[in-house]
Amino acid sequence: MSDHPLHVVVLAAGKGKRMRSDLPKVLHPVAGKPLLGHVLDIVAELNPAKTHVVIGHGADLVRERLAKWEPLDWVIQEEQLGTGHAVQMAIPDIPDDARVLVLLGDSPLMTAASLQRVLDLAADGLAVLTARVVEPAGYGRIVRDESGHLKQIVEHKDADPATLAINEVNSGVVAAGCADLRQWLDRVDRKNAQGEFYLTDCVAIARGDGRTVSAALADEAEEILGANDRWQLSELERLFQRRVARGLCEQGATLMDPSRVDVRGSLSVSDEVVIDINTVFEGDNQLGAGVSIGPNCVLINCSLGPGTRVHPSCVLEGVVTRGECDIGPFARLRPGTELAEHTKVGNFVETKKARLGEGSKASHLSYLGDAEIGASVNIGAGTITCNYDGANKFKTVIEDGVFVGSDTQLVAPVTVEKGATIGAGSTITKTAPRDALTLSRAKQITITGWKKPTKKG
């Protein structure tokens, strides 16, 4: 079958009643991505000729949320009559000479390696993926003959006590040639406890036809897990995060507690990265060698250069650092922030579209928005770039070697030229000349004989 095109059918039509949600089950997230999105990513590793996704409940929303995974062949299952019926909805669009791989849309821990083993075993007949689990309740049981060969799959509701004691279970993954699968499905009936067309009945039918029926055992039982309720969804989240954490450690990162780091997107790390507890990564993030992330931080779409240190309780989004930078604690750096080497953005500082040159510092209590800041600049506490007039944004330019005193307002558009000093408590509305002191203050006076007010009566 290796010369035949691969067609994948993903079953994703269920509502997921036990989720107690209007959101279709396959759209519930694990690691910030829909369950179905994870499955489609795994499928993509197999390079199929086409992927058919069978949808029903919330079909329009599923298509909308999965747009980035297109092109896909969307198949509507108007009435959910079982897994066999779902595959029958897709099979008219699949050529007879194709290999067909069927899997479930809520199994984000599946691996491409396991799926490939099933495909290899199906070369001369039908193959399924199985797993041995501690608690098999709810799963179809794998029944083998005296020689250990796969005999049939019995759904939980149709199983007798002896069958229920079996701990090898069905994953929902089936592979076969399309022409064979088509005629086997035509012979499946609904004579079972749920009154549905079971895809798993094809096992017994194929065996009755004298065809090879095989079972591949998953390397880890967690691969077959899906989510039927919120608790199972949370278990998938932790298992997925543990898998990610293991990968980060293999890349050279130290995680102070792997169970308290969440990656909801992608994260690449270099050697000697240290990540403390309760840190969340969203979107796409890259951490260079020796980067240190303190506890309780959130990083979204950031690229931190080698040696950057992020202290506790910082929120960084769209931040780029070029080398050894010092950030936080309690700093908020927003999109468009770029920090050159040896810069410092300290506690209770907020930046947005601000670029700081090498060696520049804003150590505390400042807002820097729409700002171009040169090298070796000192930003005093309480400094604000007043970049918004209520309708438009304007830019502040601070050139190399500038010293900005505390409690300064820089009203954009404005430029502070190279080497200038701004006196504390100033409001700067015009260009501050280079190598000069610029300040704006009311004259300090003392009123003698003044008395504090007192309460009457």
Protein backbone atom coordinates (compact mmCIF):
# COMPACT_ATOMS: atom_id res chain seq x y z
CA MET A 1 0.00 0.00 0.00
CA SER A 2 3.02 2.30 0.18
CA ASP A 3 2.48 3.45 -3.42
CA HIS A 4 -1.11 4.43 -2.73
CA PRO A 5 -2.12 7.96 -1.71
CA LEU A 6 -2.85 8.48 1.98
CA HIS A 7 -6.22 9.95 2.92
CA VAL A 8 -6.85 10.77 6.58
CA VAL A 9 -10.34 10.96 8.06
CA VAL A 10 -10.63 12.86 11.36
CA LEU A 11 -13.87 12.33 13.30
CA ALA A 12 -14.89 15.65 14.87
CA ALA A 13 -18.69 15.83 14.71
CA GLY A 14 -19.59 15.27 18.36
CA LYS A 15 -21.09 17.89 20.63
CA GLY A 16 -19.43 16.72 23.82
CA LYS A 17 -22.44 17.01 26.12
CA ARG A 18 -20.44 16.31 29.25
CA MET A 19 -18.32 19.40 28.58
CA ARG A 20 -21.41 21.43 29.52
CA SER A 21 -20.55 24.00 26.88
CA ASP A 22 -21.94 25.43 23.67
CA LEU A 23 -18.42 25.15 22.23
CA PRO A 24 -17.95 22.00 20.11
CA LYS A 25 -15.78 19.51 21.96
CA VAL A 26 -12.92 19.57 19.45
CA LEU A 27 -12.55 23.34 19.89
CA HIS A 28 -11.79 23.17 23.60
CA PRO A 29 -8.13 24.13 24.05
CA VAL A 30 -5.09 22.28 25.28
CA ALA A 31 -1.96 24.42 25.55
CA GLY A 32 -3.82 27.30 23.92
CA LYS A 33 -4.70 25.35 20.78
CA PRO A 34 -7.97 23.55 19.88
CA LEU A 35 -7.92 19.80 20.40
CA LEU A 36 -8.59 19.36 16.70
CA GLY A 37 -5.71 21.69 15.84
CA HIS A 38 -3.28 19.40 17.68
CA VAL A 39 -4.63 16.39 15.80
CA LEU A 40 -4.26 18.14 12.45
CA ASP A 41 -0.68 19.09 13.29
CA ILE A 42 0.10 15.42 13.96
CA VAL A 43 -1.63 14.38 10.74
CA ALA A 44 0.42 16.91 8.75
CA GLU A 45 3.60 15.05 9.73
CA LEU A 46 2.35 12.10 7.66
CA ASN A 47 2.05 14.24 4.49
CA PRO A 48 -1.38 12.94 3.44
CA ALA A 49 -2.76 13.53 -0.03
CA LYS A 50 -5.90 14.92 1.63
CA THR A 51 -7.34 15.28 5.12
CA HIS A 52 -11.10 14.88 5.53
CA VAL A 53 -12.63 16.31 8.70
CA VAL A 54 -16.09 15.05 9.61
CA ILE A 55 -17.99 17.78 11.47
CA GLY A 56 -21.53 18.17 12.75
CA HIS A 57 -22.27 20.12 15.91
CA GLY A 58 -21.14 23.74 15.50
CA ALA A 59 -19.80 23.00 12.03
CA ASP A 60 -19.50 26.65 10.96
CA LEU A 61 -17.60 27.58 14.11
CA VAL A 62 -15.25 24.62 13.73
CA ARG A 63 -14.42 25.65 10.18
CA GLU A 64 -13.87 29.25 11.26
CA ARG A 65 -11.55 28.38 14.15
CA LEU A 66 -9.54 25.88 12.09
CA ALA A 67 -9.03 28.19 9.09
CA LYS A 68 -5.25 28.28 9.57
CA TRP A 69 -5.09 24.51 8.98
CA GLU A 70 -6.64 24.72 5.51
CA PRO A 71 -6.82 23.19 2.96
CA LEU A 72 -9.11 20.56 4.44
CA ASP A 73 -12.01 18.59 3.03
CA TRP A 74 -14.90 19.35 5.36
CA VAL A 75 -17.54 16.62 5.54
CA ILE A 76 -20.90 17.27 7.20
CA GLN A 77 -22.47 14.52 9.29
CA GLU A 78 -25.97 15.89 9.80
CA GLU A 79 -27.08 13.05 12.06
CA GLN A 80 -24.55 11.41 14.37
CA LEU A 81 -25.16 7.67 13.95
CA GLY A 82 -21.80 6.39 15.09
CA THR A 83 -18.18 6.21 13.98
CA GLY A 84 -18.90 3.87 11.07
CA HIS A 85 -21.53 6.25 9.76
CA ALA A 86 -19.11 9.18 10.11
CA VAL A 87 -16.50 7.45 7.97
CA GLN A 88 -19.19 6.58 5.41
CA MET A 89 -19.87 10.31 5.04
CA ALA A 90 -16.26 10.91 4.01
CA ILE A 91 -15.47 7.83 1.98
CA PRO A 92 -17.27 8.86 -1.27
CA ASP A 93 -14.57 11.52 -1.74
CA ILE A 94 -11.72 9.02 -1.35
CA PRO A 95 -10.41 6.97 -4.33
CA ASP A 96 -10.54 3.18 -4.07
CA ASP A 97 -6.75 2.82 -4.37
CA ALA A 98 -6.07 5.10 -1.39
CA ARG A 99 -4.89 4.13 2.07
CA VAL A 100 -7.31 5.42 4.69
CA LEU A 101 -6.33 6.36 8.23
CA VAL A 102 -9.17 7.18 10.63
CA LEU A 103 -8.60 8.90 13.97
CA LEU A 104 -10.46 10.97 16.55
CA GLY A 105 -10.40 14.76 16.69
CA ASP A 106 -9.94 15.03 20.45
CA SER A 107 -6.67 13.07 20.89
CA PRO A 108 -3.89 15.69 21.11
CA LEU A 109 -1.27 13.33 22.56
CA MET A 110 -1.20 10.99 19.57
CA THR A 111 2.16 10.70 17.82
CA ALA A 112 2.94 10.45 14.13
CA ALA A 113 5.22 7.49 14.87
CA SER A 114 2.34 5.44 16.28
CA LEU A 115 0.09 6.35 13.38
CA GLN A 116 2.78 5.32 10.91
CA ARG A 117 3.10 1.92 12.60
CA VAL A 118 -0.63 1.37 12.14
CA LEU A 119 -0.36 2.31 8.47
CA ASP A 120 2.55 -0.11 8.00
CA LEU A 121 0.58 -2.96 9.60
CA ALA A 122 -2.43 -2.26 7.39
CA ALA A 123 -0.52 -2.99 4.20
CA ASP A 124 -2.36 -6.31 3.67
CA GLY A 125 -5.61 -5.73 5.54
CA LEU A 126 -6.82 -3.72 8.51
CA ALA A 127 -4.91 -2.40 11.52
CA VAL A 128 -5.83 -0.55 14.71
CA LEU A 129 -3.91 1.23 17.46
CA THR A 130 -4.39 -0.05 21.00
CA ALA A 131 -3.12 0.73 24.49
CA ARG A 132 -3.00 -0.96 27.87
CA VAL A 133 -4.59 1.25 30.53
CA VAL A 134 -5.12 1.01 34.26
CA GLU A 135 -8.75 2.15 34.09
CA PRO A 136 -10.35 0.82 30.87
CA ALA A 137 -13.91 1.94 31.70
CA GLY A 138 -15.59 3.53 28.70
CA TYR A 139 -13.20 2.16 26.09
CA GLY A 140 -13.83 -0.56 23.54
CA ARG A 141 -11.98 -3.73 24.59
CA ILE A 142 -9.46 -5.54 22.39
CA VAL A 143 -10.41 -9.21 22.23
CA ARG A 144 -7.69 -11.56 21.00
CA ASP A 145 -7.89 -15.25 20.01
CA GLU A 146 -5.95 -18.13 21.54
CA SER A 147 -2.93 -17.25 19.41
CA GLY A 148 -2.94 -13.62 20.55
CA HIS A 149 -4.22 -12.25 17.26
CA LEU A 150 -6.84 -9.51 17.16
CA LYS A 151 -10.27 -11.09 16.98
CA GLN A 152 -12.72 -8.24 17.55
CA ILE A 153 -13.33 -4.96 19.35
CA VAL A 154 -16.23 -4.90 21.81
CA GLU A 155 -17.61 -1.54 22.90
CA HIS A 156 -17.90 -1.01 26.65
CA LYS A 157 -21.72 -0.96 26.68
CA ASP A 158 -21.86 -4.24 24.76
CA ALA A 159 -19.25 -6.10 26.82
CA ASP A 160 -19.88 -8.96 29.25
CA PRO A 161 -18.02 -9.09 32.61
CA ALA A 162 -15.15 -11.17 31.22
CA THR A 163 -14.62 -8.73 28.38
CA LEU A 164 -14.82 -5.75 30.72
CA ALA A 165 -11.87 -7.18 32.64
CA ILE A 166 -9.61 -6.73 29.60
CA ASN A 167 -7.27 -3.72 29.97
CA GLU A 168 -6.15 -3.48 26.33
CA VAL A 169 -8.39 -0.89 24.72
CA ASN A 170 -9.19 0.68 21.39
CA SER A 171 -7.80 4.12 20.52
CA GLY A 172 -10.22 4.90 17.67
CA VAL A 173 -7.39 4.72 15.11
CA VAL A 174 -8.07 2.43 12.15
CA ALA A 175 -6.20 2.00 8.86
CA ALA A 176 -7.15 0.04 5.74
CA GLY A 177 -7.35 0.26 2.00
CA CYS A 178 -10.28 2.37 0.85
CA ALA A 179 -11.96 -0.25 -1.36
CA ASP A 180 -11.85 -2.78 1.48
CA LEU A 181 -13.03 -0.30 4.09
CA ARG A 182 -15.89 0.81 1.88
CA GLN A 183 -17.36 -2.69 1.48
CA TRP A 184 -16.77 -3.58 5.15
CA LEU A 185 -18.67 -0.46 6.25
CA ASP A 186 -21.56 -1.41 3.98
CA ARG A 187 -21.93 -4.60 6.02
CA VAL A 188 -21.94 -2.95 9.47
CA ASP A 189 -25.30 -2.92 11.24
CA ARG A 190 -26.75 -1.12 14.28
CA LYS A 191 -27.50 -4.16 16.42
CA ASN A 192 -25.79 -2.94 19.57
CA ALA A 193 -26.53 -1.18 22.86
CA GLN A 194 -26.21 2.29 21.37
CA GLY A 195 -28.00 1.65 18.09
CA GLU A 196 -25.05 3.02 16.14
CA PHE A 197 -22.86 1.97 13.22
CA TYR A 198 -19.54 1.05 14.85
CA LEU A 199 -16.38 1.47 12.80
CA THR A 200 -14.83 -1.14 15.10
CA ASP A 201 -17.20 -3.83 13.72
CA CYS A 202 -15.02 -3.81 10.60
CA VAL A 203 -12.42 -5.79 12.57
CA ALA A 204 -14.61 -8.88 12.89
CA ILE A 205 -15.93 -8.50 9.33
CA ALA A 206 -12.40 -8.28 7.88
CA ARG A 207 -11.28 -11.26 9.92
CA GLY A 208 -14.31 -13.21 8.70
CA ASP A 209 -13.21 -12.44 5.13
CA GLY A 210 -9.85 -14.01 5.88
CA ARG A 211 -8.00 -10.73 5.77
CA THR A 212 -5.04 -9.83 7.96
CA VAL A 213 -6.16 -7.92 11.04
CA SER A 214 -3.41 -6.39 13.19
CA ALA A 215 -3.03 -4.28 16.32
CA ALA A 216 -0.18 -1.88 17.10
CA LEU A 217 0.35 -1.14 20.78
CA ALA A 218 0.99 2.53 21.57
CA ASP A 219 4.33 3.28 23.24
CA GLU A 220 2.53 5.19 25.99
CA ALA A 221 -1.08 4.78 27.08
CA GLU A 222 -1.53 8.57 27.25
CA GLU A 223 -1.37 8.76 23.45
CA ILE A 224 -4.94 7.53 23.07
CA LEU A 225 -6.52 9.81 25.65
CA GLY A 226 -9.31 12.16 24.64
CA ALA A 227 -11.57 14.51 26.57
CA ASN A 228 -15.23 13.86 27.28
CA ASP A 229 -15.54 16.30 30.19
CA ARG A 230 -13.69 19.22 31.76
CA TRP A 231 -11.73 17.03 34.17
CA GLN A 232 -10.38 14.89 31.35
CA LEU A 233 -9.53 18.08 29.47
CA SER A 234 -7.52 19.32 32.45
CA GLU A 235 -5.70 15.99 32.62
CA LEU A 236 -4.81 16.30 28.93
CA GLU A 237 -3.45 19.79 29.61
CA ARG A 238 -1.12 18.55 32.35
CA LEU A 239 0.06 15.56 30.33
CA PHE A 240 0.70 17.77 27.32
CA GLN A 241 2.58 20.32 29.41
CA ARG A 242 4.69 17.60 30.98
CA ARG A 243 5.64 16.39 27.50
CA VAL A 244 6.60 19.96 26.54
CA ALA A 245 8.57 20.41 29.76
CA ARG A 246 10.54 17.25 29.10
CA GLY A 247 11.40 18.55 25.64
CA LEU A 248 12.61 21.88 27.07
CA CYS A 249 14.90 20.08 29.50
CA GLU A 250 16.30 18.02 26.63
CA GLN A 251 17.06 21.28 24.81
CA GLY A 252 19.13 22.55 27.74
CA ALA A 253 16.67 24.37 30.00
CA THR A 254 16.38 24.07 33.76
CA LEU A 255 12.78 24.16 35.01
CA MET A 256 12.51 24.83 38.72
CA ASP A 257 9.23 22.89 38.73
CA PRO A 258 8.11 21.30 35.44
CA SER A 259 4.53 21.07 36.69
CA ARG A 260 4.34 24.85 37.04
CA VAL A 261 5.44 26.01 33.59
CA ASP A 262 2.80 26.36 30.86
CA VAL A 263 3.58 26.70 27.16
CA ARG A 264 0.56 27.75 25.12
CA GLY A 265 2.19 27.98 21.73
CA SER A 266 5.83 27.34 20.86
CA LEU A 267 8.95 27.89 22.93
CA SER A 268 12.52 27.29 21.82
CA VAL A 269 15.38 27.48 24.31
CA SER A 270 19.16 27.37 24.23
CA ASP A 271 21.64 26.01 26.76
CA GLU A 272 21.59 27.18 30.37
CA VAL A 273 18.13 28.75 30.25
CA VAL A 274 16.48 28.83 33.67
CA ILE A 275 12.69 29.11 34.05
CA ASP A 276 11.17 29.56 37.48
CA ILE A 277 7.68 28.58 38.64
CA ASN A 278 4.28 29.80 37.45
CA THR A 279 5.60 31.12 34.15
CA VAL A 280 3.31 31.18 31.11
CA PHE A 281 4.49 31.35 27.50
CA GLU A 282 1.94 32.25 24.81
CA GLY A 283 2.39 32.52 21.06
CA ASP A 284 5.91 32.01 19.70
CA ASN A 285 8.83 32.61 22.04
CA GLN A 286 12.60 32.16 21.77
CA LEU A 287 15.04 32.26 24.69
CA GLY A 288 18.77 32.61 24.01
CA ALA A 289 21.57 30.96 25.94
CA GLY A 290 21.68 31.84 29.63
CA VAL A 291 18.31 33.59 29.74
CA SER A 292 16.73 33.58 33.19
CA ILE A 293 12.98 33.94 33.75
CA GLY A 294 11.81 34.62 37.31
CA PRO A 295 8.61 33.31 38.87
CA ASN A 296 5.10 34.49 37.96
CA CYS A 297 5.98 35.91 34.54
CA VAL A 298 4.00 35.94 31.29
CA LEU A 299 5.82 36.06 27.94
CA ILE A 300 3.91 36.47 24.67
CA ASN A 301 5.69 36.37 21.29
CA CYS A 302 9.08 37.39 22.69
CA SER A 303 12.64 36.86 21.51
CA LEU A 304 15.14 37.30 24.33
CA GLY A 305 18.84 37.45 23.54
CA PRO A 306 21.60 35.60 25.40
CA GLY A 307 21.96 36.55 29.04
CA THR A 308 18.71 38.48 29.40
CA ARG A 309 17.36 38.34 32.92
CA VAL A 310 13.64 38.74 33.65
CA HIS A 311 12.90 39.24 37.33
CA PRO A 312 9.66 38.07 39.03
CA SER A 313 6.14 39.13 38.07
CA CYS A 314 6.77 40.70 34.67
CA VAL A 315 4.51 40.70 31.61
CA LEU A 316 6.32 40.86 28.26
CA GLU A 317 4.59 40.93 24.88
CA GLY A 318 6.30 41.30 21.53
CA VAL A 319 9.64 42.13 23.20
CA VAL A 320 13.05 41.75 21.55
CA THR A 321 16.30 41.92 23.51
CA ARG A 322 19.74 41.89 21.92
CA GLY A 323 21.86 40.55 24.76
CA GLU A 324 22.35 40.89 28.50
CA CYS A 325 19.37 42.98 29.59
CA ASP A 326 17.75 43.36 33.00
CA ILE A 327 13.96 43.50 33.22
CA GLY A 328 11.71 43.95 36.24
CA PRO A 329 10.52 42.98 38.74
CA PHE A 330 6.94 44.08 38.11
CA ALA A 331 7.63 45.49 34.63
CA ARG A 332 5.21 45.53 31.72
CA LEU A 333 6.82 45.60 28.29
CA ARG A 334 4.36 45.86 25.41
CA PRO A 335 4.67 45.16 21.66
CA GLY A 336 7.39 47.00 19.81
CA THR A 337 9.79 47.13 22.75
CA GLU A 338 13.41 46.53 21.73
CA LEU A 339 16.28 46.52 24.19
CA ALA A 340 19.95 46.68 23.21
CA GLU A 341 22.65 45.04 25.27
CA HIS A 342 23.17 46.11 28.89
CA THR A 343 19.86 47.97 29.14
CA LYS A 344 17.69 47.96 32.23
CA VAL A 345 13.94 48.34 32.51
CA GLY A 346 13.14 48.14 36.20
CA ASN A 347 10.24 47.81 38.57
CA PHE A 348 6.89 49.38 37.68
CA VAL A 349 8.09 50.56 34.27
CA GLU A 350 5.82 50.24 31.24
CA THR A 351 7.05 50.45 27.66
CA LYS A 352 5.28 50.39 24.31
CA LYS A 353 6.98 50.78 20.91
CA ALA A 354 10.09 51.92 22.75
CA ARG A 355 13.63 51.21 21.64
CA LEU A 356 16.42 51.56 24.19
CA GLY A 357 20.04 51.76 23.08
CA GLU A 358 23.00 50.05 24.66
CA GLY A 359 23.51 50.75 28.36
CA SER A 360 20.35 52.83 28.79
CA LYS A 361 18.30 52.54 31.97
CA ALA A 362 14.77 53.21 33.14
CA SER A 363 15.02 51.80 36.62
CA HIS A 364 11.59 52.49 38.08
CA LEU A 365 8.15 54.06 37.88
CA SER A 366 8.12 55.31 34.29
CA TYR A 367 6.08 55.09 31.09
CA LEU A 368 7.95 55.06 27.78
CA GLY A 369 5.69 54.90 24.75
CA ASP A 370 6.50 55.60 21.09
CA ALA A 371 10.06 56.45 22.10
CA GLU A 372 13.43 56.19 20.39
CA ILE A 373 16.05 56.21 23.13
CA GLY A 374 19.77 56.21 22.38
CA ALA A 375 22.72 54.67 24.19
CA SER A 376 23.77 55.41 27.80
CA VAL A 377 20.58 57.27 28.65
CA ASN A 378 19.30 57.51 32.22
CA ILE A 379 15.55 57.82 32.66
CA GLY A 380 14.65 59.08 36.13
CA ALA A 381 11.77 57.76 38.21
CA GLY A 382 8.35 59.10 37.32
CA THR A 383 9.26 60.02 33.73
CA ILE A 384 6.44 59.92 31.19
CA THR A 385 6.55 60.24 27.43
CA CYS A 386 3.24 61.98 26.72
CA ASN A 387 2.67 60.38 23.33
CA TYR A 388 -1.12 60.61 22.90
CA ASP A 389 -3.20 63.77 22.47
CA GLY A 390 -6.52 61.93 22.57
CA ALA A 391 -6.58 61.29 18.83
CA ASN A 392 -3.05 60.69 17.53
CA LYS A 393 0.24 59.16 18.73
CA PHE A 394 3.52 61.08 18.54
CA LYS A 395 7.17 60.11 18.96
CA THR A 396 9.73 61.11 21.55
CA VAL A 397 13.42 61.01 20.55
CA ILE A 398 16.07 60.90 23.26
CA GLU A 399 19.59 60.87 21.89
CA ASP A 400 22.77 59.29 23.32
CA GLY A 401 24.06 60.22 26.75
CA VAL A 402 20.96 62.08 27.95
CA PHE A 403 20.10 62.34 31.66
CA VAL A 404 16.41 62.77 32.36
CA GLY A 405 15.62 63.84 35.92
CA SER A 406 12.80 62.36 37.96
CA ASP A 407 9.16 63.35 37.49
CA THR A 408 9.67 64.63 33.95
CA GLN A 409 6.97 64.84 31.28
CA LEU A 410 8.20 64.73 27.69
CA VAL A 411 5.33 66.01 25.53
CA ALA A 412 5.66 64.45 22.08
CA PRO A 413 6.58 65.17 19.40
CA VAL A 414 9.78 66.29 21.07
CA THR A 415 13.54 65.66 20.86
CA VAL A 416 16.12 65.67 23.61
CA GLU A 417 19.48 66.10 21.94
CA LYS A 418 22.71 64.27 22.67
CA GLY A 419 24.25 64.84 26.09
CA ALA A 420 21.38 67.00 27.36
CA THR A 421 20.28 67.03 30.99
CA ILE A 422 16.64 67.51 31.96
CA GLY A 423 16.06 68.87 35.42
CA ALA A 424 13.76 66.97 37.72
CA GLY A 425 10.10 67.98 37.70
CA SER A 426 10.19 69.48 34.20
CA THR A 427 7.61 69.48 31.45
CA ILE A 428 9.45 69.52 28.12
CA THR A 429 7.48 70.61 25.06
CA LYS A 430 10.28 71.86 22.80
CA THR A 431 13.67 70.54 21.71
CA ALA A 432 16.16 70.31 24.56
CA PRO A 433 19.59 71.35 23.17
CA ARG A 434 22.60 69.08 23.33
CA ASP A 435 25.04 69.22 26.23
CA ALA A 436 22.88 71.72 28.13
CA LEU A 437 20.61 71.73 31.17
CA THR A 438 16.96 72.24 30.34
CA LEU A 439 14.27 72.57 32.99
CA SER A 440 10.86 74.12 33.53
CA ARG A 441 9.77 74.82 37.07
CA ALA A 442 7.73 77.35 38.96
CA LYS A 443 9.86 79.49 41.27
CA GLN A 444 9.98 78.05 44.77
CA ILE A 445 8.64 80.38 47.42
CA THR A 446 7.91 80.14 51.14
CA ILE A 447 4.96 81.94 52.72
CA THR A 448 5.72 82.92 56.27
CA GLY A 449 2.97 83.21 58.87
CA TRP A 450 0.84 80.61 57.09
CA LYS A 451 -1.12 78.32 59.33
CA LYS A 452 -2.61 74.93 58.67
CA PRO A 453 -6.42 74.81 58.64
CA THR A 454 -8.09 73.34 61.69
CA LYS A 455 -11.42 71.62 62.19
CA LYS A 456 -14.27 73.80 63.30
CA GLY A 457 -16.17 73.21 66.48
